[in-house]
Amino acid sequence: MILGTAAIPANAAIIVHRVELPTTADITIEWRNATAGGTRETYLTTDTSGNDAVAEFYFNGTAWKFLKFTYPANA
């Protein structure tokens, strides 16, 4: 997933990204910051549980930064 900035968001804006995951293990999902040249902010590797995940990011005035995961999403 690329976190872009087509229009500059307000400082401290937050993105909440819910990911519905399959029961397939070893799928890697990466979140990259487009404004930082594709720097990987975080990643998730699936297991066989099928639990969904939520990733949160905040905008620091220049780029999106990783804030936290909730996995499983309803925990």
PDB file of N, CA and C in Angstrom:
ATOM      1  N   MET A   1       0.841  -1.150   0.000  1.00  0.00           N
ATOM      2  CA  MET A   1       0.000   0.000   0.000  1.00  0.00           C
ATOM      3  C   MET A   1       0.897   1.226   0.000  1.00  0.00           C
ATOM      4  N   ILE A   2       0.608   2.150  -0.854  1.00  0.00           N
ATOM      5  CA  ILE A   2       1.373   3.402  -0.906  1.00  0.00           C
ATOM      6  C   ILE A   2       0.554   4.506  -0.261  1.00  0.00           C
ATOM      7  N   LEU A   3       1.123   5.152   0.740  1.00  0.00           N
ATOM      8  CA  LEU A   3       0.466   6.271   1.410  1.00  0.00           C
ATOM      9  C   LEU A   3       0.918   7.548   0.722  1.00  0.00           C
ATOM     10  N   GLY A   4       0.096   8.050  -0.186  1.00  0.00           N
ATOM     11  CA  GLY A   4       0.452   9.221  -0.973  1.00  0.00           C
ATOM     12  C   GLY A   4      -0.100  10.498  -0.392  1.00  0.00           C
ATOM     13  N   THR A   5       0.273  11.601  -1.017  1.00  0.00           N
ATOM     14  CA  THR A   5      -0.194  12.922  -0.586  1.00  0.00           C
ATOM     15  C   THR A   5      -0.560  13.754  -1.809  1.00  0.00           C
ATOM     16  N   ALA A   6      -1.597  13.351  -2.539  1.00  0.00           N
ATOM     17  CA  ALA A   6      -2.035  14.110  -3.708  1.00  0.00           C
ATOM     18  C   ALA A   6      -2.410  15.538  -3.304  1.00  0.00           C
ATOM     19  N   ALA A   7      -3.091  15.657  -2.197  1.00  0.00           N
ATOM     20  CA  ALA A   7      -3.357  16.958  -1.580  1.00  0.00           C
ATOM     21  C   ALA A   7      -2.763  16.867  -0.180  1.00  0.00           C
ATOM     22  N   ILE A   8      -1.998  17.848   0.229  1.00  0.00           N
ATOM     23  CA  ILE A   8      -1.319  17.788   1.522  1.00  0.00           C
ATOM     24  C   ILE A   8      -2.359  17.772   2.647  1.00  0.00           C
ATOM     25  N   PRO A   9      -2.376  16.711   3.432  1.00  0.00           N
ATOM     26  CA  PRO A   9      -3.327  16.646   4.544  1.00  0.00           C
ATOM     27  C   PRO A   9      -2.923  17.576   5.686  1.00  0.00           C
ATOM     28  N   ALA A  10      -3.854  17.795   6.578  1.00  0.00           N
ATOM     29  CA  ALA A  10      -3.557  18.612   7.759  1.00  0.00           C
ATOM     30  C   ALA A  10      -2.548  17.879   8.633  1.00  0.00           C
ATOM     31  N   ASN A  11      -1.694  18.646   9.306  1.00  0.00           N
ATOM     32  CA  ASN A  11      -0.756  18.056  10.244  1.00  0.00           C
ATOM     33  C   ASN A  11      -1.547  17.279  11.289  1.00  0.00           C
ATOM     34  N   ALA A  12      -1.086  16.088  11.638  1.00  0.00           N
ATOM     35  CA  ALA A  12      -1.715  15.189  12.605  1.00  0.00           C
ATOM     36  C   ALA A  12      -2.955  14.489  12.051  1.00  0.00           C
ATOM     37  N   ALA A  13      -3.208  14.547  10.751  1.00  0.00           N
ATOM     38  CA  ALA A  13      -4.294  13.768  10.147  1.00  0.00           C
ATOM     39  C   ALA A  13      -3.997  12.298  10.369  1.00  0.00           C
ATOM     40  N   ILE A  14      -5.039  11.482  10.458  1.00  0.00           N
ATOM     41  CA  ILE A  14      -4.865  10.050  10.715  1.00  0.00           C
ATOM     42  C   ILE A  14      -5.583   9.253   9.638  1.00  0.00           C
ATOM     43  N   ILE A  15      -4.924   8.191   9.176  1.00  0.00           N
ATOM     44  CA  ILE A  15      -5.530   7.207   8.276  1.00  0.00           C
ATOM     45  C   ILE A  15      -5.701   5.919   9.077  1.00  0.00           C
ATOM     46  N   VAL A  16      -6.897   5.347   9.011  1.00  0.00           N
ATOM     47  CA  VAL A  16      -7.159   4.044   9.619  1.00  0.00           C
ATOM     48  C   VAL A  16      -7.452   3.092   8.472  1.00  0.00           C
ATOM     49  N   HIS A  17      -6.623   2.088   8.312  1.00  0.00           N
ATOM     50  CA  HIS A  17      -6.725   1.166   7.180  1.00  0.00           C
ATOM     51  C   HIS A  17      -7.041  -0.231   7.700  1.00  0.00           C
ATOM     52  N   ARG A  18      -8.272  -0.680   7.455  1.00  0.00           N
ATOM     53  CA  ARG A  18      -8.657  -2.041   7.860  1.00  0.00           C
ATOM     54  C   ARG A  18      -8.378  -2.979   6.700  1.00  0.00           C
ATOM     55  N   VAL A  19      -7.714  -4.086   6.990  1.00  0.00           N
ATOM     56  CA  VAL A  19      -7.334  -5.056   5.968  1.00  0.00           C
ATOM     57  C   VAL A  19      -8.037  -6.374   6.272  1.00  0.00           C
ATOM     58  N   GLU A  20      -8.852  -6.845   5.335  1.00  0.00           N
ATOM     59  CA  GLU A  20      -9.495  -8.141   5.468  1.00  0.00           C
ATOM     60  C   GLU A  20      -8.532  -9.193   4.927  1.00  0.00           C
ATOM     61  N   LEU A  21      -8.110 -10.097   5.795  1.00  0.00           N
ATOM     62  CA  LEU A  21      -7.062 -11.048   5.448  1.00  0.00           C
ATOM     63  C   LEU A  21      -7.617 -12.449   5.217  1.00  0.00           C
ATOM     64  N   PRO A  22      -7.044 -13.182   4.275  1.00  0.00           N
ATOM     65  CA  PRO A  22      -7.469 -14.564   4.024  1.00  0.00           C
ATOM     66  C   PRO A  22      -6.843 -15.511   5.052  1.00  0.00           C
ATOM     67  N   THR A  23      -7.197 -16.769   4.965  1.00  0.00           N
ATOM     68  CA  THR A  23      -6.613 -17.779   5.864  1.00  0.00           C
ATOM     69  C   THR A  23      -5.348 -18.388   5.266  1.00  0.00           C
ATOM     70  N   THR A  24      -4.719 -17.686   4.364  1.00  0.00           N
ATOM     71  CA  THR A  24      -3.478 -18.120   3.722  1.00  0.00           C
ATOM     72  C   THR A  24      -2.290 -17.535   4.482  1.00  0.00           C
ATOM     73  N   ALA A  25      -1.330 -18.371   4.822  1.00  0.00           N
ATOM     74  CA  ALA A  25      -0.149 -17.911   5.564  1.00  0.00           C
ATOM     75  C   ALA A  25       0.900 -17.323   4.628  1.00  0.00           C
ATOM     76  N   ASP A  26       1.739 -16.479   5.198  1.00  0.00           N
ATOM     77  CA  ASP A  26       2.954 -15.947   4.559  1.00  0.00           C
ATOM     78  C   ASP A  26       2.706 -14.981   3.400  1.00  0.00           C
ATOM     79  N   ILE A  27       1.589 -14.253   3.429  1.00  0.00           N
ATOM     80  CA  ILE A  27       1.385 -13.144   2.500  1.00  0.00           C
ATOM     81  C   ILE A  27       1.896 -11.899   3.224  1.00  0.00           C
ATOM     82  N   THR A  28       2.807 -11.178   2.605  1.00  0.00           N
ATOM     83  CA  THR A  28       3.356  -9.972   3.227  1.00  0.00           C
ATOM     84  C   THR A  28       2.722  -8.740   2.596  1.00  0.00           C
ATOM     85  N   ILE A  29       2.202  -7.876   3.452  1.00  0.00           N
ATOM     86  CA  ILE A  29       1.625  -6.595   3.029  1.00  0.00           C
ATOM     87  C   ILE A  29       2.522  -5.503   3.582  1.00  0.00           C
ATOM     88  N   GLU A  30       2.957  -4.604   2.715  1.00  0.00           N
ATOM     89  CA  GLU A  30       3.818  -3.497   3.141  1.00  0.00           C
ATOM     90  C   GLU A  30       3.096  -2.179   2.944  1.00  0.00           C
ATOM     91  N   TRP A  31       3.313  -1.254   3.847  1.00  0.00           N
ATOM     92  CA  TRP A  31       2.838   0.115   3.704  1.00  0.00           C
ATOM     93  C   TRP A  31       4.065   0.991   3.500  1.00  0.00           C
ATOM     94  N   ARG A  32       4.071   1.715   2.396  1.00  0.00           N
ATOM     95  CA  ARG A  32       5.212   2.566   2.052  1.00  0.00           C
ATOM     96  C   ARG A  32       4.773   4.014   1.941  1.00  0.00           C
ATOM     97  N   ASN A  33       5.683   4.894   2.255  1.00  0.00           N
ATOM     98  CA  ASN A  33       5.420   6.321   2.229  1.00  0.00           C
ATOM     99  C   ASN A  33       5.914   6.907   0.914  1.00  0.00           C
ATOM    100  N   ALA A  34       4.983   7.347   0.084  1.00  0.00           N
ATOM    101  CA  ALA A  34       5.347   7.882  -1.230  1.00  0.00           C
ATOM    102  C   ALA A  34       6.179   9.150  -1.111  1.00  0.00           C
ATOM    103  N   THR A  35       5.950   9.964  -0.098  1.00  0.00           N
ATOM    104  CA  THR A  35       6.683  11.219   0.027  1.00  0.00           C
ATOM    105  C   THR A  35       8.097  11.011   0.549  1.00  0.00           C
ATOM    106  N   ALA A  36       8.393   9.827   1.045  1.00  0.00           N
ATOM    107  CA  ALA A  36       9.738   9.553   1.560  1.00  0.00           C
ATOM    108  C   ALA A  36      10.478   8.603   0.626  1.00  0.00           C
ATOM    109  N   GLY A  37      10.138   8.644  -0.662  1.00  0.00           N
ATOM    110  CA  GLY A  37      10.829   7.813  -1.642  1.00  0.00           C
ATOM    111  C   GLY A  37      10.535   6.336  -1.524  1.00  0.00           C
ATOM    112  N   GLY A  38       9.368   5.989  -1.017  1.00  0.00           N
ATOM    113  CA  GLY A  38       9.004   4.593  -0.911  1.00  0.00           C
ATOM    114  C   GLY A  38       9.507   3.914   0.351  1.00  0.00           C
ATOM    115  N   THR A  39       9.867   4.678   1.356  1.00  0.00           N
ATOM    116  CA  THR A  39      10.329   4.106   2.608  1.00  0.00           C
ATOM    117  C   THR A  39       9.241   3.243   3.227  1.00  0.00           C
ATOM    118  N   ARG A  40       9.586   2.034   3.613  1.00  0.00           N
ATOM    119  CA  ARG A  40       8.606   1.147   4.243  1.00  0.00           C
ATOM    120  C   ARG A  40       8.332   1.628   5.658  1.00  0.00           C
ATOM    121  N   GLU A  41       7.072   1.916   5.941  1.00  0.00           N
ATOM    122  CA  GLU A  41       6.672   2.344   7.281  1.00  0.00           C
ATOM    123  C   GLU A  41       6.428   1.157   8.200  1.00  0.00           C
ATOM    124  N   THR A  42       5.794   0.108   7.679  1.00  0.00           N
ATOM    125  CA  THR A  42       5.556  -1.107   8.454  1.00  0.00           C
ATOM    126  C   THR A  42       5.115  -2.208   7.513  1.00  0.00           C
ATOM    127  N   TYR A  43       4.961  -3.402   8.045  1.00  0.00           N
ATOM    128  CA  TYR A  43       4.487  -4.521   7.235  1.00  0.00           C
ATOM    129  C   TYR A  43       3.756  -5.519   8.120  1.00  0.00           C
ATOM    130  N   LEU A  44       3.041  -6.425   7.480  1.00  0.00           N
ATOM    131  CA  LEU A  44       2.303  -7.481   8.161  1.00  0.00           C
ATOM    132  C   LEU A  44       2.462  -8.746   7.344  1.00  0.00           C
ATOM    133  N   THR A  45       2.720  -9.863   8.006  1.00  0.00           N
ATOM    134  CA  THR A  45       2.760 -11.164   7.339  1.00  0.00           C
ATOM    135  C   THR A  45       1.618 -11.996   7.897  1.00  0.00           C
ATOM    136  N   THR A  46       0.780 -12.522   7.007  1.00  0.00           N
ATOM    137  CA  THR A  46      -0.406 -13.254   7.442  1.00  0.00           C
ATOM    138  C   THR A  46      -0.078 -14.619   8.024  1.00  0.00           C
ATOM    139  N   ASP A  47      -1.017 -15.094   8.832  1.00  0.00           N
ATOM    140  CA  ASP A  47      -0.963 -16.465   9.316  1.00  0.00           C
ATOM    141  C   ASP A  47      -2.212 -17.174   8.780  1.00  0.00           C
ATOM    142  N   THR A  48      -2.597 -18.292   9.344  1.00  0.00           N
ATOM    143  CA  THR A  48      -3.757 -19.030   8.836  1.00  0.00           C
ATOM    144  C   THR A  48      -5.042 -18.715   9.600  1.00  0.00           C
ATOM    145  N   SER A  49      -5.018 -17.709  10.487  1.00  0.00           N
ATOM    146  CA  SER A  49      -6.181 -17.409  11.316  1.00  0.00           C
ATOM    147  C   SER A  49      -7.313 -16.736  10.547  1.00  0.00           C
ATOM    148  N   GLY A  50      -6.987 -15.972   9.510  1.00  0.00           N
ATOM    149  CA  GLY A  50      -8.000 -15.203   8.803  1.00  0.00           C
ATOM    150  C   GLY A  50      -8.433 -13.961   9.561  1.00  0.00           C
ATOM    151  N   ASN A  51      -7.733 -13.650  10.670  1.00  0.00           N
ATOM    152  CA  ASN A  51      -8.060 -12.446  11.437  1.00  0.00           C
ATOM    153  C   ASN A  51      -7.739 -11.196  10.620  1.00  0.00           C
ATOM    154  N   ASP A  52      -8.644 -10.221  10.663  1.00  0.00           N
ATOM    155  CA  ASP A  52      -8.400  -8.946   9.996  1.00  0.00           C
ATOM    156  C   ASP A  52      -7.471  -8.088  10.847  1.00  0.00           C
ATOM    157  N   ALA A  53      -6.882  -7.072  10.228  1.00  0.00           N
ATOM    158  CA  ALA A  53      -5.964  -6.179  10.927  1.00  0.00           C
ATOM    159  C   ALA A  53      -6.355  -4.730  10.640  1.00  0.00           C
ATOM    160  N   VAL A  54      -5.962  -3.848  11.540  1.00  0.00           N
ATOM    161  CA  VAL A  54      -6.135  -2.416  11.345  1.00  0.00           C
ATOM    162  C   VAL A  54      -4.773  -1.764  11.537  1.00  0.00           C
ATOM    163  N   ALA A  55      -4.362  -0.973  10.557  1.00  0.00           N
ATOM    164  CA  ALA A  55      -3.113  -0.215  10.655  1.00  0.00           C
ATOM    165  C   ALA A  55      -3.462   1.267  10.687  1.00  0.00           C
ATOM    166  N   GLU A  56      -2.832   2.009  11.588  1.00  0.00           N
ATOM    167  CA  GLU A  56      -3.091   3.443  11.693  1.00  0.00           C
ATOM    168  C   GLU A  56      -1.804   4.219  11.421  1.00  0.00           C
ATOM    169  N   PHE A  57      -1.966   5.326  10.696  1.00  0.00           N
ATOM    170  CA  PHE A  57      -0.855   6.197  10.328  1.00  0.00           C
ATOM    171  C   PHE A  57      -1.248   7.640  10.607  1.00  0.00           C
ATOM    172  N   TYR A  58      -0.260   8.480  10.918  1.00  0.00           N
ATOM    173  CA  TYR A  58      -0.525   9.911  11.112  1.00  0.00           C
ATOM    174  C   TYR A  58       0.372  10.708  10.169  1.00  0.00           C
ATOM    175  N   PHE A  59      -0.066  11.904   9.818  1.00  0.00           N
ATOM    176  CA  PHE A  59       0.710  12.782   8.945  1.00  0.00           C
ATOM    177  C   PHE A  59       1.457  13.777   9.814  1.00  0.00           C
ATOM    178  N   ASN A  60       2.776  13.847   9.664  1.00  0.00           N
ATOM    179  CA  ASN A  60       3.596  14.710  10.525  1.00  0.00           C
ATOM    180  C   ASN A  60       3.897  16.080   9.911  1.00  0.00           C
ATOM    181  N   GLY A  61       3.180  16.426   8.847  1.00  0.00           N
ATOM    182  CA  GLY A  61       3.411  17.699   8.178  1.00  0.00           C
ATOM    183  C   GLY A  61       4.230  17.539   6.917  1.00  0.00           C
ATOM    184  N   THR A  62       4.929  16.413   6.789  1.00  0.00           N
ATOM    185  CA  THR A  62       5.740  16.126   5.615  1.00  0.00           C
ATOM    186  C   THR A  62       5.440  14.766   5.020  1.00  0.00           C
ATOM    187  N   ALA A  63       5.227  13.770   5.877  1.00  0.00           N
ATOM    188  CA  ALA A  63       5.061  12.396   5.415  1.00  0.00           C
ATOM    189  C   ALA A  63       4.139  11.627   6.357  1.00  0.00           C
ATOM    190  N   TRP A  64       3.612  10.513   5.867  1.00  0.00           N
ATOM    191  CA  TRP A  64       2.828   9.604   6.706  1.00  0.00           C
ATOM    192  C   TRP A  64       3.778   8.757   7.540  1.00  0.00           C
ATOM    193  N   LYS A  65       3.435   8.552   8.810  1.00  0.00           N
ATOM    194  CA  LYS A  65       4.238   7.755   9.740  1.00  0.00           C
ATOM    195  C   LYS A  65       3.347   6.711  10.405  1.00  0.00           C
ATOM    196  N   PHE A  66       3.918   5.533  10.639  1.00  0.00           N
ATOM    197  CA  PHE A  66       3.195   4.452  11.287  1.00  0.00           C
ATOM    198  C   PHE A  66       2.875   4.818  12.729  1.00  0.00           C
ATOM    199  N   LEU A  67       1.639   4.531  13.147  1.00  0.00           N
ATOM    200  CA  LEU A  67       1.213   4.804  14.517  1.00  0.00           C
ATOM    201  C   LEU A  67       1.029   3.504  15.298  1.00  0.00           C
ATOM    202  N   LYS A  68       0.137   2.599  14.819  1.00  0.00           N
ATOM    203  CA  LYS A  68      -0.067   1.350  15.543  1.00  0.00           C
ATOM    204  C   LYS A  68      -0.851   0.340  14.725  1.00  0.00           C
ATOM    205  N   PHE A  69      -0.755  -0.917  15.143  1.00  0.00           N
ATOM    206  CA  PHE A  69      -1.529  -2.027  14.607  1.00  0.00           C
ATOM    207  C   PHE A  69      -2.539  -2.475  15.649  1.00  0.00           C
ATOM    208  N   THR A  70      -3.669  -2.961  15.193  1.00  0.00           N
ATOM    209  CA  THR A  70      -4.577  -3.739  16.020  1.00  0.00           C
ATOM    210  C   THR A  70      -4.775  -5.043  15.268  1.00  0.00           C
ATOM    211  N   TYR A  71      -4.312  -6.129  15.855  1.00  0.00           N
ATOM    212  CA  TYR A  71      -4.373  -7.427  15.196  1.00  0.00           C
ATOM    213  C   TYR A  71      -4.597  -8.499  16.237  1.00  0.00           C
ATOM    214  N   PRO A  72      -5.705  -9.209  16.242  1.00  0.00           N
ATOM    215  CA  PRO A  72      -6.791  -9.078  15.282  1.00  0.00           C
ATOM    216  C   PRO A  72      -7.556  -7.760  15.441  1.00  0.00           C
ATOM    217  N   ALA A  73      -8.252  -7.384  14.390  1.00  0.00           N
ATOM    218  CA  ALA A  73      -8.882  -6.074  14.315  1.00  0.00           C
ATOM    219  C   ALA A  73      -9.890  -5.827  15.422  1.00  0.00           C
ATOM    220  N   ASN A  74     -10.543  -6.863  15.894  1.00  0.00           N
ATOM    221  CA  ASN A  74     -11.575  -6.672  16.917  1.00  0.00           C
ATOM    222  C   ASN A  74     -11.079  -6.923  18.333  1.00  0.00           C
ATOM    223  N   ALA A  75      -9.777  -6.970  18.494  1.00  0.00           N
ATOM    224  CA  ALA A  75      -9.209  -7.248  19.832  1.00  0.00           C
ATOM    225  C   ALA A  75      -9.379  -6.048  20.758  1.00  0.00           C
TER     226      ALA A  75
END
